[in-house]
Amino acid sequence: MNKNFVVNDNQEILVFKAREIEKLELDSENDFRDEISSRINNDNFIELYSGWDYKNKYYIVVVQI
């Protein structure tokens, strides 16, 4: 799993991706979101986008406030 930070004055945009959810031993996209939330260790974020791309990577893009 990777995360990229794009810093804007008072916000961070975080991008998380995984090649296969199974590699994280998670059962669903919702479990992946929950795992991301726990890794951020903060509930103050807004999900902007989530979904699969053509390379079978699942993306979650969130803004942490």
Protein backbone atom coordinates (compact mmCIF):
# COMPACT_ATOMS: atom_id res chain seq x y z
CA MET A 1 0.00 0.00 0.00
CA ASN A 2 1.26 3.44 -0.87
CA LYS A 3 0.25 6.89 0.13
CA ASN A 4 1.15 10.17 -1.47
CA PHE A 5 0.81 13.51 0.25
CA VAL A 6 -0.05 16.67 -1.62
CA VAL A 7 0.05 19.53 0.86
CA ASN A 8 -2.26 22.47 0.42
CA ASP A 9 -2.14 25.34 2.95
CA ASN A 10 -4.16 23.59 5.66
CA GLN A 11 -5.12 20.26 4.12
CA GLU A 12 -3.41 17.08 3.03
CA ILE A 13 -4.63 14.96 0.16
CA LEU A 14 -3.81 11.32 0.74
CA VAL A 15 -3.91 8.66 -1.96
CA PHE A 16 -3.93 5.02 -0.90
CA LYS A 17 -3.73 2.14 -3.34
CA ALA A 18 -3.51 -1.62 -3.19
CA ARG A 19 -2.99 -4.04 -6.07
CA GLU A 20 -5.42 -6.53 -4.58
CA ILE A 21 -7.54 -6.17 -1.50
CA GLU A 22 -6.78 -9.82 -0.72
CA LYS A 23 -3.13 -8.92 -0.15
CA LEU A 24 -4.29 -6.91 2.86
CA GLU A 25 -6.37 -9.90 4.00
CA LEU A 26 -9.50 -7.82 3.83
CA ASP A 27 -12.86 -9.02 2.60
CA SER A 28 -14.21 -5.94 0.91
CA GLU A 29 -13.69 -2.36 -0.16
CA ASN A 30 -15.39 -1.26 3.07
CA ASP A 31 -12.81 -3.15 5.12
CA PHE A 32 -10.10 -1.41 3.10
CA ARG A 33 -11.67 1.98 3.91
CA ASP A 34 -11.79 1.02 7.59
CA GLU A 35 -8.12 0.00 7.50
CA ILE A 36 -7.18 3.31 5.87
CA SER A 37 -9.15 5.17 8.52
CA SER A 38 -7.31 3.36 11.30
CA ARG A 39 -3.92 4.03 9.65
CA ILE A 40 -4.74 7.72 9.37
CA ASN A 41 -5.64 7.43 13.06
CA ASN A 42 -8.12 10.25 12.68
CA ASP A 43 -11.76 10.36 11.61
CA ASN A 44 -11.47 13.91 10.25
CA PHE A 45 -11.27 13.08 6.58
CA ILE A 46 -13.55 13.22 3.56
CA GLU A 47 -13.47 10.56 0.87
CA LEU A 48 -13.20 12.14 -2.57
CA TYR A 49 -12.99 9.05 -4.76
CA SER A 50 -12.62 5.31 -4.60
CA GLY A 51 -12.58 2.64 -7.24
CA TRP A 52 -10.61 0.26 -9.41
CA ASP A 53 -8.35 1.31 -12.26
CA TYR A 54 -7.35 -0.60 -15.38
CA LYS A 55 -4.32 -2.15 -13.62
CA ASN A 56 -6.53 -3.81 -10.97
CA LYS A 57 -5.47 -1.32 -8.31
CA TYR A 58 -8.07 -0.08 -5.87
CA TYR A 59 -7.72 3.59 -5.01
CA ILE A 60 -9.04 5.67 -2.17
CA VAL A 61 -8.44 9.40 -2.27
CA VAL A 62 -9.24 11.34 0.89
CA VAL A 63 -8.72 14.84 2.18
CA GLN A 64 -7.62 14.96 5.80
CA ILE A 65 -8.81 18.10 7.57
